Every structure is written in C-alpha cells, then in structure tokens.
Amino acid sequence: RDPGSSSFGARHFPVGRSLLQNAHS
C-alpha cells in the first residue's frame, strides 16, 4: 500500500512541492 495514504497508518511531515523534474530528489 502507498505509504502516503491515510490507511497506511504512518505520520506525515510537510515537505512542500517542487517542480516535477526536481521533486524526487
């Protein structure tokens, strides 16, 4: 299951949003 989904049960922390080509790094 996607760890980012609410049903996964992890705590989320803010990271913001980057341009698509840069987001993963």
PDB file of all heavy atoms in Angstrom:
ATOM      1  N   ARG A   1       0.832  -1.208   0.000  1.00  0.00           N
ATOM      2  CA  ARG A   1       0.000   0.000   0.000  1.00  0.00           C
ATOM      3  C   ARG A   1       0.864   1.253   0.000  1.00  0.00           C
ATOM      4  O   ARG A   1       1.946   1.289   0.584  1.00  0.00           O
ATOM      5  CB  ARG A   1      -0.913  -0.025   1.232  1.00  0.00           C
ATOM      6  CG  ARG A   1      -1.885   1.159   1.308  1.00  0.00           C
ATOM      7  CD  ARG A   1      -2.859   0.952   2.448  1.00  0.00           C
ATOM      8  NE  ARG A   1      -3.727  -0.206   2.176  1.00  0.00           N
ATOM      9  CZ  ARG A   1      -4.422  -0.850   3.117  1.00  0.00           C
ATOM     10  NH1 ARG A   1      -4.331  -0.470   4.376  1.00  0.00           N
ATOM     11  NH2 ARG A   1      -5.178  -1.880   2.782  1.00  0.00           N
ATOM     12  N   ASP A   2       0.408   2.289  -0.665  1.00  0.00           N
ATOM     13  CA  ASP A   2       1.115   3.564  -0.731  1.00  0.00           C
ATOM     14  C   ASP A   2       1.346   4.087   0.687  1.00  0.00           C
ATOM     15  O   ASP A   2       0.393   4.344   1.423  1.00  0.00           O
ATOM     16  CB  ASP A   2       0.276   4.567  -1.530  1.00  0.00           C
ATOM     17  CG  ASP A   2       0.939   5.930  -1.614  1.00  0.00           C
ATOM     18  OD1 ASP A   2       2.085   6.085  -1.151  1.00  0.00           O
ATOM     19  OD2 ASP A   2       0.296   6.852  -2.157  1.00  0.00           O
ATOM     20  N   PRO A   3       2.611   4.254   1.117  1.00  0.00           N
ATOM     21  CA  PRO A   3       2.869   4.750   2.470  1.00  0.00           C
ATOM     22  C   PRO A   3       2.287   6.129   2.726  1.00  0.00           C
ATOM     23  O   PRO A   3       2.060   6.513   3.879  1.00  0.00           O
ATOM     24  CB  PRO A   3       4.396   4.778   2.551  1.00  0.00           C
ATOM     25  CG  PRO A   3       4.856   3.849   1.492  1.00  0.00           C
ATOM     26  CD  PRO A   3       3.838   3.939   0.390  1.00  0.00           C
ATOM     27  N   GLY A   4       2.032   6.877   1.637  1.00  0.00           N
ATOM     28  CA  GLY A   4       1.459   8.208   1.809  1.00  0.00           C
ATOM     29  C   GLY A   4      -0.034   8.223   2.014  1.00  0.00           C
ATOM     30  O   GLY A   4      -0.612   9.270   2.345  1.00  0.00           O
ATOM     31  N   SER A   5      -0.701   7.082   1.851  1.00  0.00           N
ATOM     32  CA  SER A   5      -2.147   7.038   2.037  1.00  0.00           C
ATOM     33  C   SER A   5      -2.490   7.026   3.526  1.00  0.00           C
ATOM     34  O   SER A   5      -1.733   6.513   4.350  1.00  0.00           O
ATOM     35  CB  SER A   5      -2.735   5.794   1.363  1.00  0.00           C
ATOM     36  OG  SER A   5      -2.296   4.620   2.024  1.00  0.00           O
ATOM     37  N   SER A   6      -3.638   7.580   3.850  1.00  0.00           N
ATOM     38  CA  SER A   6      -4.048   7.645   5.256  1.00  0.00           C
ATOM     39  C   SER A   6      -4.257   6.256   5.843  1.00  0.00           C
ATOM     40  O   SER A   6      -4.054   6.035   7.044  1.00  0.00           O
ATOM     41  CB  SER A   6      -5.334   8.469   5.386  1.00  0.00           C
ATOM     42  OG  SER A   6      -6.366   7.893   4.587  1.00  0.00           O
ATOM     43  N   SER A   7      -4.629   5.285   5.019  1.00  0.00           N
ATOM     44  CA  SER A   7      -4.891   3.935   5.506  1.00  0.00           C
ATOM     45  C   SER A   7      -3.602   3.182   5.850  1.00  0.00           C
ATOM     46  O   SER A   7      -3.658   2.135   6.497  1.00  0.00           O
ATOM     47  CB  SER A   7      -5.682   3.139   4.469  1.00  0.00           C
ATOM     48  OG  SER A   7      -4.981   3.094   3.237  1.00  0.00           O
ATOM     49  N   PHE A   8      -2.450   3.699   5.440  1.00  0.00           N
ATOM     50  CA  PHE A   8      -1.191   3.029   5.762  1.00  0.00           C
ATOM     51  C   PHE A   8      -0.842   3.188   7.239  1.00  0.00           C
ATOM     52  O   PHE A   8      -0.202   2.315   7.828  1.00  0.00           O
ATOM     53  CB  PHE A   8      -0.063   3.573   4.889  1.00  0.00           C
ATOM     54  CG  PHE A   8       1.257   2.882   5.109  1.00  0.00           C
ATOM     55  CD1 PHE A   8       1.512   1.649   4.525  1.00  0.00           C
ATOM     56  CD2 PHE A   8       2.237   3.455   5.907  1.00  0.00           C
ATOM     57  CE1 PHE A   8       2.723   1.003   4.726  1.00  0.00           C
ATOM     58  CE2 PHE A   8       3.449   2.820   6.119  1.00  0.00           C
ATOM     59  CZ  PHE A   8       3.695   1.590   5.529  1.00  0.00           C
ATOM     60  N   GLY A   9      -1.215   4.308   7.827  1.00  0.00           N
ATOM     61  CA  GLY A   9      -1.021   4.480   9.266  1.00  0.00           C
ATOM     62  C   GLY A   9       0.269   5.144   9.690  1.00  0.00           C
ATOM     63  O   GLY A   9       0.613   5.122  10.878  1.00  0.00           O
ATOM     64  N   ALA A  10       1.015   5.748   8.748  1.00  0.00           N
ATOM     65  CA  ALA A  10       2.240   6.457   9.114  1.00  0.00           C
ATOM     66  C   ALA A  10       1.931   7.919   9.435  1.00  0.00           C
ATOM     67  O   ALA A  10       0.879   8.444   9.074  1.00  0.00           O
ATOM     68  CB  ALA A  10       3.244   6.380   7.977  1.00  0.00           C
ATOM     69  N   ARG A  11       2.863   8.566  10.109  1.00  0.00           N
ATOM     70  CA  ARG A  11       2.736  10.007  10.362  1.00  0.00           C
ATOM     71  C   ARG A  11       3.349  10.762   9.179  1.00  0.00           C
ATOM     72  O   ARG A  11       4.394  10.389   8.655  1.00  0.00           O
ATOM     73  CB  ARG A  11       3.461  10.394  11.650  1.00  0.00           C
ATOM     74  CG  ARG A  11       2.863   9.763  12.888  1.00  0.00           C
ATOM     75  CD  ARG A  11       3.631  10.126  14.143  1.00  0.00           C
ATOM     76  NE  ARG A  11       3.443  11.511  14.527  1.00  0.00           N
ATOM     77  CZ  ARG A  11       3.983  12.063  15.620  1.00  0.00           C
ATOM     78  NH1 ARG A  11       4.752  11.327  16.420  1.00  0.00           N
ATOM     79  NH2 ARG A  11       3.771  13.322  15.920  1.00  0.00           N
ATOM     80  N   HIS A  12       2.702  11.831   8.782  1.00  0.00           N
ATOM     81  CA  HIS A  12       3.176  12.621   7.648  1.00  0.00           C
ATOM     82  C   HIS A  12       3.880  13.872   8.149  1.00  0.00           C
ATOM     83  O   HIS A  12       3.487  14.463   9.149  1.00  0.00           O
ATOM     84  CB  HIS A  12       2.002  13.019   6.747  1.00  0.00           C
ATOM     85  CG  HIS A  12       1.400  11.857   6.015  1.00  0.00           C
ATOM     86  ND1 HIS A  12       1.434  11.742   4.645  1.00  0.00           N
ATOM     87  CD2 HIS A  12       0.777  10.742   6.457  1.00  0.00           C
ATOM     88  CE1 HIS A  12       0.850  10.620   4.281  1.00  0.00           C
ATOM     89  NE2 HIS A  12       0.432   9.993   5.373  1.00  0.00           N
ATOM     90  N   PHE A  13       4.923  14.261   7.424  1.00  0.00           N
ATOM     91  CA  PHE A  13       5.572  15.532   7.743  1.00  0.00           C
ATOM     92  C   PHE A  13       5.637  16.382   6.479  1.00  0.00           C
ATOM     93  O   PHE A  13       5.752  15.851   5.366  1.00  0.00           O
ATOM     94  CB  PHE A  13       6.962  15.328   8.350  1.00  0.00           C
ATOM     95  CG  PHE A  13       7.985  14.707   7.433  1.00  0.00           C
ATOM     96  CD1 PHE A  13       8.857  15.491   6.684  1.00  0.00           C
ATOM     97  CD2 PHE A  13       8.100  13.320   7.332  1.00  0.00           C
ATOM     98  CE1 PHE A  13       9.805  14.916   5.850  1.00  0.00           C
ATOM     99  CE2 PHE A  13       9.048  12.744   6.507  1.00  0.00           C
ATOM    100  CZ  PHE A  13       9.905  13.539   5.766  1.00  0.00           C
ATOM    101  N   PRO A  14       5.538  17.703   6.610  1.00  0.00           N
ATOM    102  CA  PRO A  14       5.470  18.588   5.443  1.00  0.00           C
ATOM    103  C   PRO A  14       6.795  18.618   4.679  1.00  0.00           C
ATOM    104  O   PRO A  14       7.874  18.670   5.275  1.00  0.00           O
ATOM    105  CB  PRO A  14       5.165  19.969   6.048  1.00  0.00           C
ATOM    106  CG  PRO A  14       4.682  19.685   7.434  1.00  0.00           C
ATOM    107  CD  PRO A  14       5.358  18.444   7.873  1.00  0.00           C
ATOM    108  N   VAL A  15       6.717  18.581   3.363  1.00  0.00           N
ATOM    109  CA  VAL A  15       7.913  18.697   2.530  1.00  0.00           C
ATOM    110  C   VAL A  15       7.758  19.741   1.432  1.00  0.00           C
ATOM    111  O   VAL A  15       8.733  20.112   0.787  1.00  0.00           O
ATOM    112  CB  VAL A  15       8.287  17.342   1.890  1.00  0.00           C
ATOM    113  CG1 VAL A  15       8.589  16.300   2.945  1.00  0.00           C
ATOM    114  CG2 VAL A  15       7.193  16.851   0.962  1.00  0.00           C
ATOM    115  N   GLY A  16       6.550  20.198   1.172  1.00  0.00           N
ATOM    116  CA  GLY A  16       6.351  21.201   0.132  1.00  0.00           C
ATOM    117  C   GLY A  16       6.195  20.585  -1.240  1.00  0.00           C
ATOM    118  O   GLY A  16       5.982  19.381  -1.399  1.00  0.00           O
ATOM    119  N   ARG A  17       6.320  21.420  -2.250  1.00  0.00           N
ATOM    120  CA  ARG A  17       6.150  20.978  -3.635  1.00  0.00           C
ATOM    121  C   ARG A  17       7.249  21.599  -4.485  1.00  0.00           C
ATOM    122  O   ARG A  17       7.501  22.799  -4.427  1.00  0.00           O
ATOM    123  CB  ARG A  17       4.777  21.392  -4.170  1.00  0.00           C
ATOM    124  CG  ARG A  17       4.574  21.063  -5.653  1.00  0.00           C
ATOM    125  CD  ARG A  17       3.233  21.535  -6.165  1.00  0.00           C
ATOM    126  NE  ARG A  17       2.144  20.733  -5.629  1.00  0.00           N
ATOM    127  CZ  ARG A  17       0.857  20.994  -5.870  1.00  0.00           C
ATOM    128  NH1 ARG A  17       0.523  22.044  -6.601  1.00  0.00           N
ATOM    129  NH2 ARG A  17      -0.080  20.215  -5.367  1.00  0.00           N
ATOM    130  N   SER A  18       7.882  20.762  -5.304  1.00  0.00           N
ATOM    131  CA  SER A  18       8.933  21.218  -6.212  1.00  0.00           C
ATOM    132  C   SER A  18       8.474  21.019  -7.650  1.00  0.00           C
ATOM    133  O   SER A  18       7.435  20.398  -7.911  1.00  0.00           O
ATOM    134  CB  SER A  18      10.228  20.424  -5.975  1.00  0.00           C
ATOM    135  OG  SER A  18      10.644  20.526  -4.627  1.00  0.00           O
ATOM    136  N   LEU A  19       9.269  21.534  -8.572  1.00  0.00           N
ATOM    137  CA  LEU A  19       8.980  21.279  -9.975  1.00  0.00           C
ATOM    138  C   LEU A  19       9.052  19.781 -10.238  1.00  0.00           C
ATOM    139  O   LEU A  19       9.832  19.057  -9.620  1.00  0.00           O
ATOM    140  CB  LEU A  19       9.984  22.012 -10.861  1.00  0.00           C
ATOM    141  CG  LEU A  19       9.941  23.543 -10.802  1.00  0.00           C
ATOM    142  CD1 LEU A  19      11.055  24.128 -11.643  1.00  0.00           C
ATOM    143  CD2 LEU A  19       8.594  24.063 -11.260  1.00  0.00           C
ATOM    144  N   LEU A  20       8.240  19.321 -11.173  1.00  0.00           N
ATOM    145  CA  LEU A  20       8.117  17.894 -11.439  1.00  0.00           C
ATOM    146  C   LEU A  20       9.469  17.232 -11.658  1.00  0.00           C
ATOM    147  O   LEU A  20       9.745  16.154 -11.118  1.00  0.00           O
ATOM    148  CB  LEU A  20       7.213  17.680 -12.660  1.00  0.00           C
ATOM    149  CG  LEU A  20       6.945  16.220 -13.055  1.00  0.00           C
ATOM    150  CD1 LEU A  20       6.156  15.515 -11.971  1.00  0.00           C
ATOM    151  CD2 LEU A  20       6.183  16.163 -14.387  1.00  0.00           C
ATOM    152  N   GLN A  21      10.341  17.865 -12.424  1.00  0.00           N
ATOM    153  CA  GLN A  21      11.612  17.244 -12.763  1.00  0.00           C
ATOM    154  C   GLN A  21      12.572  17.199 -11.579  1.00  0.00           C
ATOM    155  O   GLN A  21      13.565  16.457 -11.608  1.00  0.00           O
ATOM    156  CB  GLN A  21      12.281  17.957 -13.944  1.00  0.00           C
ATOM    157  CG  GLN A  21      12.694  19.405 -13.682  1.00  0.00           C
ATOM    158  CD  GLN A  21      11.603  20.385 -14.071  1.00  0.00           C
ATOM    159  OE1 GLN A  21      10.419  20.051 -14.004  1.00  0.00           O
ATOM    160  NE2 GLN A  21      11.998  21.573 -14.498  1.00  0.00           N
ATOM    161  N   ASN A  22      12.310  17.986 -10.536  1.00  0.00           N
ATOM    162  CA  ASN A  22      13.199  18.029  -9.368  1.00  0.00           C
ATOM    163  C   ASN A  22      12.622  17.338  -8.142  1.00  0.00           C
ATOM    164  O   ASN A  22      13.340  17.107  -7.161  1.00  0.00           O
ATOM    165  CB  ASN A  22      13.507  19.489  -8.995  1.00  0.00           C
ATOM    166  CG  ASN A  22      14.165  20.247 -10.127  1.00  0.00           C
ATOM    167  OD1 ASN A  22      14.922  19.669 -10.906  1.00  0.00           O
ATOM    168  ND2 ASN A  22      13.877  21.532 -10.229  1.00  0.00           N
ATOM    169  N   ALA A  23      11.331  17.028  -8.181  1.00  0.00           N
ATOM    170  CA  ALA A  23      10.622  16.648  -6.963  1.00  0.00           C
ATOM    171  C   ALA A  23      11.222  15.434  -6.270  1.00  0.00           C
ATOM    172  O   ALA A  23      11.360  15.407  -5.041  1.00  0.00           O
ATOM    173  CB  ALA A  23       9.147  16.403  -7.282  1.00  0.00           C
ATOM    174  N   HIS A  24      11.595  14.413  -7.045  1.00  0.00           N
ATOM    175  CA  HIS A  24      12.025  13.162  -6.410  1.00  0.00           C
ATOM    176  C   HIS A  24      13.350  13.294  -5.670  1.00  0.00           C
ATOM    177  O   HIS A  24      13.629  12.515  -4.760  1.00  0.00           O
ATOM    178  CB  HIS A  24      12.125  12.056  -7.468  1.00  0.00           C
ATOM    179  CG  HIS A  24      12.323  10.697  -6.883  1.00  0.00           C
ATOM    180  ND1 HIS A  24      11.461  10.155  -5.954  1.00  0.00           N
ATOM    181  CD2 HIS A  24      13.293   9.757  -7.086  1.00  0.00           C
ATOM    182  CE1 HIS A  24      11.886   8.946  -5.609  1.00  0.00           C
ATOM    183  NE2 HIS A  24      12.990   8.691  -6.277  1.00  0.00           N
ATOM    184  N   SER A  25      14.160  14.284  -6.024  1.00  0.00           N
ATOM    185  CA  SER A  25      15.462  14.470  -5.368  1.00  0.00           C
ATOM    186  C   SER A  25      15.510  15.734  -4.518  1.00  0.00           C
ATOM    187  O   SER A  25      16.590  16.160  -4.107  1.00  0.00           O
ATOM    188  CB  SER A  25      16.575  14.512  -6.424  1.00  0.00           C
ATOM    189  OG  SER A  25      16.346  15.565  -7.343  1.00  0.00           O
TER     190      SER A  25
END
